[in-house]
C-alpha atoms as a PDB file:
ATOM      1  CA  MET A   1     130.581  31.162 -28.936  1.00  0.00           C
ATOM      2  CA  ASP A   2     131.918  30.050 -25.575  1.00  0.00           C
ATOM      3  CA  LYS A   3     131.260  33.209 -23.542  1.00  0.00           C
ATOM      4  CA  LEU A   4     129.579  36.607 -23.509  1.00  0.00           C
ATOM      5  CA  LEU A   5     131.556  39.536 -24.905  1.00  0.00           C
ATOM      6  CA  PHE A   6     130.990  43.257 -24.381  1.00  0.00           C
ATOM      7  CA  GLY A   7     131.843  45.937 -26.899  1.00  0.00           C
ATOM      8  CA  ILE A   8     130.922  49.200 -28.580  1.00  0.00           C
ATOM      9  CA  SER A   9     129.174  50.541 -31.642  1.00  0.00           C
ATOM     10  CA  GLY A  10     131.602  52.511 -33.805  1.00  0.00           C
ATOM     11  CA  LEU A  11     134.821  54.106 -32.644  1.00  0.00           C
ATOM     12  CA  PRO A  12     135.546  54.933 -28.998  1.00  0.00           C
ATOM     13  CA  ILE A  13     135.130  58.594 -28.092  1.00  0.00           C
ATOM     14  CA  PHE A  14     137.009  59.017 -24.810  1.00  0.00           C
ATOM     15  CA  SER A  15     140.463  57.954 -25.969  1.00  0.00           C
ATOM     16  CA  THR A  16     143.296  60.483 -26.115  1.00  0.00           C
ATOM     17  CA  ILE A  17     144.580  58.880 -29.316  1.00  0.00           C
ATOM     18  CA  LYS A  18     144.814  61.634 -31.933  1.00  0.00           C
ATOM     19  CA  LYS A  19     144.394  59.464 -35.025  1.00  0.00           C
ATOM     20  CA  MET A  20     141.464  57.269 -34.121  1.00  0.00           C
ATOM     21  CA  ASN A  21     140.587  54.679 -36.727  1.00  0.00           C
ATOM     22  CA  TYR A  22     139.448  51.079 -36.613  1.00  0.00           C
ATOM     23  CA  ALA A  23     142.928  49.670 -36.000  1.00  0.00           C
ATOM     24  CA  ALA A  24     143.609  52.110 -33.152  1.00  0.00           C
ATOM     25  CA  GLY A  25     140.089  51.552 -31.843  1.00  0.00           C
ATOM     26  CA  ILE A  26     140.596  47.794 -31.631  1.00  0.00           C
ATOM     27  CA  ALA A  27     143.740  48.251 -29.538  1.00  0.00           C
ATOM     28  CA  TYR A  28     142.074  50.816 -27.286  1.00  0.00           C
ATOM     29  CA  VAL A  29     138.905  48.802 -26.747  1.00  0.00           C
ATOM     30  CA  LYS A  30     140.941  45.792 -25.661  1.00  0.00           C
ATOM     31  CA  SER A  31     143.144  47.926 -23.403  1.00  0.00           C
ATOM     32  CA  ILE A  32     140.136  49.047 -21.333  1.00  0.00           C
ATOM     33  CA  GLY A  33     138.751  45.546 -20.905  1.00  0.00           C
ATOM     34  CA  LEU A  34     136.251  45.244 -23.750  1.00  0.00           C
ATOM     35  CA  ASP A  35     136.229  42.576 -26.437  1.00  0.00           C
ATOM     36  CA  ALA A  36     134.121  43.679 -29.394  1.00  0.00           C
ATOM     37  CA  MET A  37     133.549  46.479 -31.879  1.00  0.00           C
ATOM     38  CA  GLU A  38     130.725  47.031 -34.352  1.00  0.00           C
ATOM     39  CA  LEU A  39     132.017  48.751 -37.459  1.00  0.00           C
ATOM     40  CA  LEU A  40     129.643  51.444 -38.673  1.00  0.00           C
ATOM     41  CA  PHE A  41     128.763  51.143 -42.349  1.00  0.00           C
ATOM     42  CA  VAL A  42     125.577  53.142 -41.807  1.00  0.00           C
ATOM     43  CA  ARG A  43     126.389  55.853 -44.370  1.00  0.00           C
ATOM     44  CA  SER A  44     129.233  54.217 -46.293  1.00  0.00           C
ATOM     45  CA  VAL A  45     131.317  51.067 -46.196  1.00  0.00           C
ATOM     46  CA  ASN A  46     134.530  52.369 -44.653  1.00  0.00           C
ATOM     47  CA  VAL A  47     136.606  49.196 -44.803  1.00  0.00           C
ATOM     48  CA  SER A  48     138.412  48.813 -48.100  1.00  0.00           C
ATOM     49  CA  ASP A  49     141.568  47.352 -49.610  1.00  0.00           C
ATOM     50  CA  LYS A  50     143.365  50.502 -48.406  1.00  0.00           C
ATOM     51  CA  ASN A  51     142.802  49.996 -44.678  1.00  0.00           C
ATOM     52  CA  LYS A  52     141.939  46.317 -44.299  1.00  0.00           C
ATOM     53  CA  ASP A  53     145.534  45.193 -43.679  1.00  0.00           C
ATOM     54  CA  GLU A  54     146.013  47.489 -40.680  1.00  0.00           C
ATOM     55  CA  ILE A  55     142.666  46.341 -39.269  1.00  0.00           C
ATOM     56  CA  LEU A  56     143.623  42.685 -39.700  1.00  0.00           C
ATOM     57  CA  LYS A  57     147.047  43.304 -38.144  1.00  0.00           C
ATOM     58  CA  ALA A  58     145.484  45.021 -35.120  1.00  0.00           C
ATOM     59  CA  ASN A  59     143.018  42.200 -34.698  1.00  0.00           C
ATOM     60  CA  ARG A  60     145.685  39.508 -34.903  1.00  0.00           C
ATOM     61  CA  GLU A  61     147.431  41.273 -32.028  1.00  0.00           C
ATOM     62  CA  HIS A  62     144.359  42.006 -29.896  1.00  0.00           C
ATOM     63  CA  ASP A  63     141.660  39.466 -30.852  1.00  0.00           C
ATOM     64  CA  CYS A  64     138.588  41.705 -30.953  1.00  0.00           C
ATOM     65  CA  TYR A  65     135.206  40.370 -32.091  1.00  0.00           C
ATOM     66  CA  LEU A  66     134.134  42.394 -35.144  1.00  0.00           C
ATOM     67  CA  SER A  67     130.638  42.906 -36.458  1.00  0.00           C
ATOM     68  CA  ALA A  68     129.197  45.672 -38.621  1.00  0.00           C
ATOM     69  CA  HIS A  69     126.019  47.714 -38.815  1.00  0.00           C
ATOM     70  CA  GLY A  70     124.797  48.034 -42.363  1.00  0.00           C
ATOM     71  CA  SER A  71     123.347  51.045 -44.145  1.00  0.00           C
ATOM     72  CA  TYR A  72     120.507  53.082 -42.704  1.00  0.00           C
ATOM     73  CA  TYR A  73     119.215  53.332 -46.279  1.00  0.00           C
ATOM     74  CA  VAL A  74     117.857  49.806 -46.518  1.00  0.00           C
ATOM     75  CA  ASN A  75     114.214  49.057 -47.219  1.00  0.00           C
ATOM     76  CA  LEU A  76     113.641  45.583 -48.577  1.00  0.00           C
ATOM     77  CA  ASN A  77     109.945  46.438 -48.799  1.00  0.00           C
ATOM     78  CA  ALA A  78     110.298  49.642 -50.833  1.00  0.00           C
ATOM     79  CA  GLU A  79     107.409  50.305 -53.232  1.00  0.00           C
ATOM     80  CA  ASP A  80     109.840  50.673 -56.129  1.00  0.00           C
ATOM     81  CA  GLU A  81     111.574  47.409 -57.016  1.00  0.00           C
ATOM     82  CA  GLU A  82     114.637  49.384 -58.109  1.00  0.00           C
ATOM     83  CA  LYS A  83     114.919  50.728 -54.556  1.00  0.00           C
ATOM     84  CA  GLN A  84     114.661  47.182 -53.250  1.00  0.00           C
ATOM     85  CA  ALA A  85     117.536  46.268 -55.566  1.00  0.00           C
ATOM     86  CA  GLN A  86     119.545  49.226 -54.268  1.00  0.00           C
ATOM     87  CA  SER A  87     118.959  48.049 -50.710  1.00  0.00           C
ATOM     88  CA  LEU A  88     120.233  44.594 -51.616  1.00  0.00           C
ATOM     89  CA  HIS A  89     123.285  46.206 -53.198  1.00  0.00           C
ATOM     90  CA  ARG A  90     123.997  48.125 -49.968  1.00  0.00           C
ATOM     91  CA  ILE A  91     123.741  44.938 -47.916  1.00  0.00           C
ATOM     92  CA  ARG A  92     126.064  43.085 -50.303  1.00  0.00           C
ATOM     93  CA  ALA A  93     128.568  45.967 -50.170  1.00  0.00           C
ATOM     94  CA  ALA A  94     128.506  45.900 -46.360  1.00  0.00           C
ATOM     95  CA  ARG A  95     129.035  42.140 -46.479  1.00  0.00           C
ATOM     96  CA  GLU A  96     132.128  42.602 -48.653  1.00  0.00           C
ATOM     97  CA  GLY A  97     133.505  45.246 -46.288  1.00  0.00           C
ATOM     98  CA  LEU A  98     132.957  43.033 -43.264  1.00  0.00           C
ATOM     99  CA  LEU A  99     134.598  40.076 -44.992  1.00  0.00           C
ATOM    100  CA  LYS A 100     137.673  42.217 -45.698  1.00  0.00           C
ATOM    101  CA  ALA A 101     137.964  42.772 -41.926  1.00  0.00           C
ATOM    102  CA  GLN A 102     137.233  39.073 -41.274  1.00  0.00           C
ATOM    103  CA  GLY A 103     134.185  40.008 -39.214  1.00  0.00           C
ATOM    104  CA  ARG A 104     131.180  37.818 -38.755  1.00  0.00           C
ATOM    105  CA  SER A 105     127.819  39.472 -38.044  1.00  0.00           C
ATOM    106  CA  LEU A 106     126.186  42.061 -40.309  1.00  0.00           C
ATOM    107  CA  VAL A 107     123.362  43.906 -38.543  1.00  0.00           C
ATOM    108  CA  PHE A 108     120.670  45.844 -40.390  1.00  0.00           C
ATOM    109  CA  HIS A 109     117.033  46.954 -40.204  1.00  0.00           C
ATOM    110  CA  PRO A 110     115.082  45.108 -42.901  1.00  0.00           C
ATOM    111  CA  GLY A 111     112.595  47.812 -43.890  1.00  0.00           C
ATOM    112  CA  PHE A 112     109.251  49.570 -43.405  1.00  0.00           C
ATOM    113  CA  TYR A 113     105.642  48.493 -43.787  1.00  0.00           C
ATOM    114  CA  LEU A 114     104.697  51.582 -45.819  1.00  0.00           C
ATOM    115  CA  LYS A 115     101.231  50.956 -47.342  1.00  0.00           C
ATOM    116  CA  ASP A 116     101.457  47.177 -47.110  1.00  0.00           C
ATOM    117  CA  THR A 117      99.922  44.868 -44.567  1.00  0.00           C
ATOM    118  CA  LYS A 118     102.359  43.274 -42.164  1.00  0.00           C
ATOM    119  CA  GLU A 119     102.045  39.958 -43.987  1.00  0.00           C
ATOM    120  CA  GLU A 120     102.690  41.566 -47.386  1.00  0.00           C
ATOM    121  CA  ALA A 121     105.775  43.321 -46.025  1.00  0.00           C
ATOM    122  CA  TYR A 122     106.968  40.058 -44.482  1.00  0.00           C
ATOM    123  CA  GLN A 123     106.709  38.148 -47.756  1.00  0.00           C
ATOM    124  CA  THR A 124     108.489  40.855 -49.787  1.00  0.00           C
ATOM    125  CA  ILE A 125     111.308  41.137 -47.264  1.00  0.00           C
ATOM    126  CA  LYS A 126     111.690  37.348 -47.099  1.00  0.00           C
ATOM    127  CA  LYS A 127     111.863  37.166 -50.907  1.00  0.00           C
ATOM    128  CA  ASN A 128     114.666  39.735 -50.932  1.00  0.00           C
ATOM    129  CA  LEU A 129     116.612  38.195 -48.054  1.00  0.00           C
ATOM    130  CA  LEU A 130     116.693  34.910 -49.970  1.00  0.00           C
ATOM    131  CA  LYS A 131     118.536  36.728 -52.792  1.00  0.00           C
ATOM    132  CA  LEU A 132     121.537  37.526 -50.573  1.00  0.00           C
ATOM    133  CA  PRO A 133     124.726  35.420 -50.705  1.00  0.00           C
ATOM    134  CA  GLY A 134     124.272  32.665 -48.154  1.00  0.00           C
ATOM    135  CA  ASP A 135     127.832  32.223 -46.926  1.00  0.00           C
ATOM    136  CA  GLY A 136     130.580  34.213 -45.253  1.00  0.00           C
ATOM    137  CA  VAL A 137     128.616  36.318 -42.769  1.00  0.00           C
ATOM    138  CA  ASP A 138     125.542  36.035 -40.591  1.00  0.00           C
ATOM    139  CA  TYR A 139     122.823  38.528 -41.519  1.00  0.00           C
ATOM    140  CA  ARG A 140     121.565  39.809 -38.166  1.00  0.00           C
ATOM    141  CA  LEU A 141     118.047  41.207 -38.433  1.00  0.00           C
ATOM    142  CA  GLU A 142     117.651  43.903 -35.787  1.00  0.00           C
ATOM    143  CA  THR A 143     114.484  44.483 -33.784  1.00  0.00           C
ATOM    144  CA  THR A 144     113.264  47.999 -34.519  1.00  0.00           C
ATOM    145  CA  GLY A 145     112.140  50.878 -32.337  1.00  0.00           C
ATOM    146  CA  LYS A 146     109.173  52.393 -34.198  1.00  0.00           C
ATOM    147  CA  ALA A 147     105.785  50.974 -35.114  1.00  0.00           C
ATOM    148  CA  THR A 148     106.256  52.078 -38.749  1.00  0.00           C
ATOM    149  CA  GLN A 149     109.316  49.846 -39.087  1.00  0.00           C
ATOM    150  CA  PHE A 150     109.153  46.181 -39.929  1.00  0.00           C
ATOM    151  CA  GLY A 151     110.996  44.287 -37.224  1.00  0.00           C
ATOM    152  CA  THR A 152     109.080  42.996 -34.235  1.00  0.00           C
ATOM    153  CA  LEU A 153     110.692  40.152 -32.346  1.00  0.00           C
ATOM    154  CA  GLU A 154     108.080  37.750 -33.698  1.00  0.00           C
ATOM    155  CA  GLU A 155     108.572  38.829 -37.315  1.00  0.00           C
ATOM    156  CA  LEU A 156     112.331  38.493 -37.177  1.00  0.00           C
ATOM    157  CA  VAL A 157     112.345  35.166 -35.344  1.00  0.00           C
ATOM    158  CA  SER A 158     109.986  33.832 -38.014  1.00  0.00           C
ATOM    159  CA  LEU A 159     112.323  35.047 -40.777  1.00  0.00           C
ATOM    160  CA  CYS A 160     115.261  33.383 -39.036  1.00  0.00           C
ATOM    161  CA  CYS A 161     113.301  30.130 -39.180  1.00  0.00           C
ATOM    162  CA  GLU A 162     112.681  30.520 -42.918  1.00  0.00           C
ATOM    163  CA  VAL A 163     115.904  32.103 -44.219  1.00  0.00           C
ATOM    164  CA  PRO A 164     118.972  29.997 -43.329  1.00  0.00           C
ATOM    165  CA  SER A 165     121.481  32.868 -43.651  1.00  0.00           C
ATOM    166  CA  CYS A 166     119.624  35.075 -41.147  1.00  0.00           C
ATOM    167  CA  LYS A 167     120.085  35.307 -37.407  1.00  0.00           C
ATOM    168  CA  LEU A 168     118.682  37.635 -34.785  1.00  0.00           C
ATOM    169  CA  CYS A 169     119.971  40.898 -33.351  1.00  0.00           C
ATOM    170  CA  ILE A 170     117.926  41.746 -30.278  1.00  0.00           C
ATOM    171  CA  ASP A 171     117.954  45.442 -29.505  1.00  0.00           C
ATOM    172  CA  PHE A 172     116.292  45.485 -26.099  1.00  0.00           C
ATOM    173  CA  ALA A 173     116.106  49.283 -26.031  1.00  0.00           C
ATOM    174  CA  HIS A 174     114.260  49.262 -29.366  1.00  0.00           C
ATOM    175  CA  ILE A 175     111.723  46.739 -28.086  1.00  0.00           C
ATOM    176  CA  HIS A 176     111.284  48.849 -24.949  1.00  0.00           C
ATOM    177  CA  ALA A 177     110.716  52.031 -26.982  1.00  0.00           C
ATOM    178  CA  ARG A 178     108.539  50.485 -29.693  1.00  0.00           C
ATOM    179  CA  ASN A 179     106.074  49.398 -27.026  1.00  0.00           C
ATOM    180  CA  ASN A 180     106.170  52.686 -25.101  1.00  0.00           C
ATOM    181  CA  GLY A 181     108.305  51.461 -22.206  1.00  0.00           C
ATOM    182  CA  SER A 182     107.158  47.843 -21.999  1.00  0.00           C
ATOM    183  CA  LEU A 183     110.304  46.268 -20.534  1.00  0.00           C
ATOM    184  CA  LYS A 184     110.061  47.103 -16.853  1.00  0.00           C
ATOM    185  CA  GLN A 185     111.142  44.086 -14.848  1.00  0.00           C
ATOM    186  CA  TYR A 186     113.063  40.836 -14.969  1.00  0.00           C
ATOM    187  CA  ASP A 187     110.160  38.744 -16.268  1.00  0.00           C
ATOM    188  CA  ASP A 188     109.759  41.016 -19.306  1.00  0.00           C
ATOM    189  CA  PHE A 189     113.319  40.271 -20.417  1.00  0.00           C
ATOM    190  CA  ALA A 190     113.125  36.600 -19.486  1.00  0.00           C
ATOM    191  CA  GLU A 191     110.005  36.219 -21.630  1.00  0.00           C
ATOM    192  CA  ILE A 192     111.890  37.485 -24.679  1.00  0.00           C
ATOM    193  CA  LEU A 193     114.793  35.111 -24.150  1.00  0.00           C
ATOM    194  CA  GLN A 194     112.441  32.188 -23.533  1.00  0.00           C
ATOM    195  CA  TYR A 195     110.604  32.976 -26.771  1.00  0.00           C
ATOM    196  CA  VAL A 196     113.873  32.946 -28.712  1.00  0.00           C
ATOM    197  CA  LYS A 197     114.942  29.701 -27.056  1.00  0.00           C
ATOM    198  CA  ASP A 198     111.592  28.033 -27.745  1.00  0.00           C
ATOM    199  CA  ARG A 199     111.471  29.078 -31.400  1.00  0.00           C
ATOM    200  CA  LEU A 200     115.149  29.024 -32.442  1.00  0.00           C
ATOM    201  CA  GLY A 201     116.634  26.585 -29.949  1.00  0.00           C
ATOM    202  CA  ARG A 202     119.415  26.638 -27.420  1.00  0.00           C
ATOM    203  CA  THR A 203     121.948  27.270 -30.194  1.00  0.00           C
ATOM    204  CA  ALA A 204     120.448  30.743 -30.733  1.00  0.00           C
ATOM    205  CA  ILE A 205     120.871  31.564 -27.033  1.00  0.00           C
ATOM    206  CA  GLU A 206     124.497  30.486 -27.259  1.00  0.00           C
ATOM    207  CA  ASP A 207     125.175  32.697 -30.295  1.00  0.00           C
ATOM    208  CA  MET A 208     123.333  35.950 -29.648  1.00  0.00           C
ATOM    209  CA  HIS A 209     124.025  39.423 -30.912  1.00  0.00           C
ATOM    210  CA  ILE A 210     122.521  42.060 -28.629  1.00  0.00           C
ATOM    211  CA  HIS A 211     122.286  45.854 -28.720  1.00  0.00           C
ATOM    212  CA  MET A 212     121.699  47.749 -25.507  1.00  0.00           C
ATOM    213  CA  ALA A 213     121.365  51.468 -24.733  1.00  0.00           C
ATOM    214  CA  GLY A 214     119.516  54.045 -22.760  1.00  0.00           C
ATOM    215  CA  ILE A 215     116.664  55.374 -24.833  1.00  0.00           C
ATOM    216  CA  GLN A 216     114.165  58.195 -25.087  1.00  0.00           C
ATOM    217  CA  TYR A 217     110.764  57.399 -26.581  1.00  0.00           C
ATOM    218  CA  ASN A 218     107.138  58.447 -26.863  1.00  0.00           C
ATOM    219  CA  ASN A 219     103.932  56.698 -27.920  1.00  0.00           C
ATOM    220  CA  LYS A 220     105.280  56.471 -31.490  1.00  0.00           C
ATOM    221  CA  GLY A 221     108.430  54.685 -30.350  1.00  0.00           C
ATOM    222  CA  GLU A 222     112.134  55.475 -30.342  1.00  0.00           C
ATOM    223  CA  ARG A 223     113.327  59.080 -30.398  1.00  0.00           C
ATOM    224  CA  LYS A 224     117.038  58.918 -29.539  1.00  0.00           C
ATOM    225  CA  HIS A 225     119.620  57.037 -27.539  1.00  0.00           C
ATOM    226  CA  LEU A 226     120.592  58.256 -24.069  1.00  0.00           C
ATOM    227  CA  PRO A 227     123.395  57.394 -21.643  1.00  0.00           C
ATOM    228  CA  MET A 228     122.595  54.098 -19.969  1.00  0.00           C
ATOM    229  CA  THR A 229     122.099  55.543 -16.506  1.00  0.00           C
ATOM    230  CA  GLU A 230     119.930  58.461 -17.724  1.00  0.00           C
ATOM    231  CA  SER A 231     117.114  56.326 -19.091  1.00  0.00           C
ATOM    232  CA  ASP A 232     114.344  54.203 -17.618  1.00  0.00           C
ATOM    233  CA  PHE A 233     115.724  51.160 -19.433  1.00  0.00           C
ATOM    234  CA  ASN A 234     116.258  48.545 -16.702  1.00  0.00           C
ATOM    235  CA  TYR A 235     119.617  47.231 -17.862  1.00  0.00           C
ATOM    236  CA  THR A 236     120.311  45.472 -14.568  1.00  0.00           C
ATOM    237  CA  ALA A 237     117.203  43.300 -14.866  1.00  0.00           C
ATOM    238  CA  CYS A 238     118.047  42.676 -18.526  1.00  0.00           C
ATOM    239  CA  LEU A 239     121.556  41.536 -17.653  1.00  0.00           C
ATOM    240  CA  GLN A 240     120.248  39.314 -14.871  1.00  0.00           C
ATOM    241  CA  ALA A 241     117.968  37.529 -17.330  1.00  0.00           C
ATOM    242  CA  ILE A 242     120.859  37.210 -19.782  1.00  0.00           C
ATOM    243  CA  LYS A 243     123.011  35.660 -17.060  1.00  0.00           C
ATOM    244  CA  ASP A 244     120.269  33.283 -15.898  1.00  0.00           C
ATOM    245  CA  PHE A 245     119.669  32.040 -19.444  1.00  0.00           C
ATOM    246  CA  GLU A 246     123.436  31.507 -19.837  1.00  0.00           C
ATOM    247  CA  VAL A 247     123.492  33.633 -22.966  1.00  0.00           C
ATOM    248  CA  LYS A 248     126.675  33.610 -25.013  1.00  0.00           C
ATOM    249  CA  GLY A 249     127.676  35.885 -27.855  1.00  0.00           C
ATOM    250  CA  CYS A 250     128.088  39.638 -27.875  1.00  0.00           C
ATOM    251  CA  ILE A 251     126.498  42.706 -26.278  1.00  0.00           C
ATOM    252  CA  ILE A 252     127.138  45.970 -28.121  1.00  0.00           C
ATOM    253  CA  ALA A 253     126.581  49.262 -26.277  1.00  0.00           C
ATOM    254  CA  GLU A 254     125.123  52.084 -28.353  1.00  0.00           C
ATOM    255  CA  GLY A 255     124.482  55.703 -27.465  1.00  0.00           C
ATOM    256  CA  PRO A 256     126.429  58.880 -26.715  1.00  0.00           C
ATOM    257  CA  LEU A 257     128.860  57.377 -24.180  1.00  0.00           C
ATOM    258  CA  VAL A 258     129.728  54.137 -26.034  1.00  0.00           C
ATOM    259  CA  GLU A 259     132.720  52.667 -24.163  1.00  0.00           C
ATOM    260  CA  LYS A 260     131.671  54.104 -20.807  1.00  0.00           C
ATOM    261  CA  ASP A 261     128.275  52.463 -21.143  1.00  0.00           C
ATOM    262  CA  ALA A 262     129.846  49.228 -22.384  1.00  0.00           C
ATOM    263  CA  LEU A 263     131.955  49.125 -19.225  1.00  0.00           C
ATOM    264  CA  VAL A 264     128.872  49.851 -17.098  1.00  0.00           C
ATOM    265  CA  LEU A 265     127.199  46.832 -18.680  1.00  0.00           C
ATOM    266  CA  LYS A 266     130.194  44.554 -18.297  1.00  0.00           C
ATOM    267  CA  GLU A 267     130.897  45.554 -14.692  1.00  0.00           C
ATOM    268  CA  THR A 268     127.228  45.228 -13.747  1.00  0.00           C
ATOM    269  CA  PHE A 269     127.044  41.778 -15.362  1.00  0.00           C
ATOM    270  CA  GLU A 270     130.147  40.609 -13.501  1.00  0.00           C
ATOM    271  CA  ARG A 271     128.675  41.732 -10.162  1.00  0.00           C
ATOM    272  CA  LEU A 272     125.416  39.807 -10.619  1.00  0.00           C
END
């Protein structure tokens, strides 16, 4: 990508539009100065042959970057192999929905450690990721917010090295929460970006998918998202590191204020 885009997770919530759907959301997001939307397939794939044409028409008119967040019910390290197969089915279904909307990045959490060692979980998840169709979309493996979840930065970067169809989704708030508030200052964020650059190359820095939010956590990790300005997440330092590393790609704001927080991020970035 040739620049850094800012957008929202799901539909906007502060619009006065009575019938809010993806097509209307695309137009609204662009009208307030944002450039991206992450479609939420977390409980079901809600792009189909019935609504894809209006989504495509809206996007031809407004040119919004579309990604999607896959099902919450994915565990590629489930104890039962049938449940692993069901997780793969959910990812494939989300891929088909995203392709109908001509989107590009499919974000999901790969799974849980359960009773396995970290290495055992890694190998099982890698085996399953290699079963996914390798063309059409980028599978964005998202850093996770709880110690019980597979998905440290190091684990996911390693998978991206080994599975050609996979790329990274850095959720800075999740990393912050998983490590009980570890991201405090500029150097903490710069270290993450340098690690990605060193392991995955400059091309990864120029094609990043990032989630950002305020977050509440305890010593077990993430509890819930908060408005950006009501959390101890240092988004200004994060954005400064992103600017200094000349990151390109997309930043998606999550949390209860979605487009308001996305505009906070964009306006803060532009002032730096």
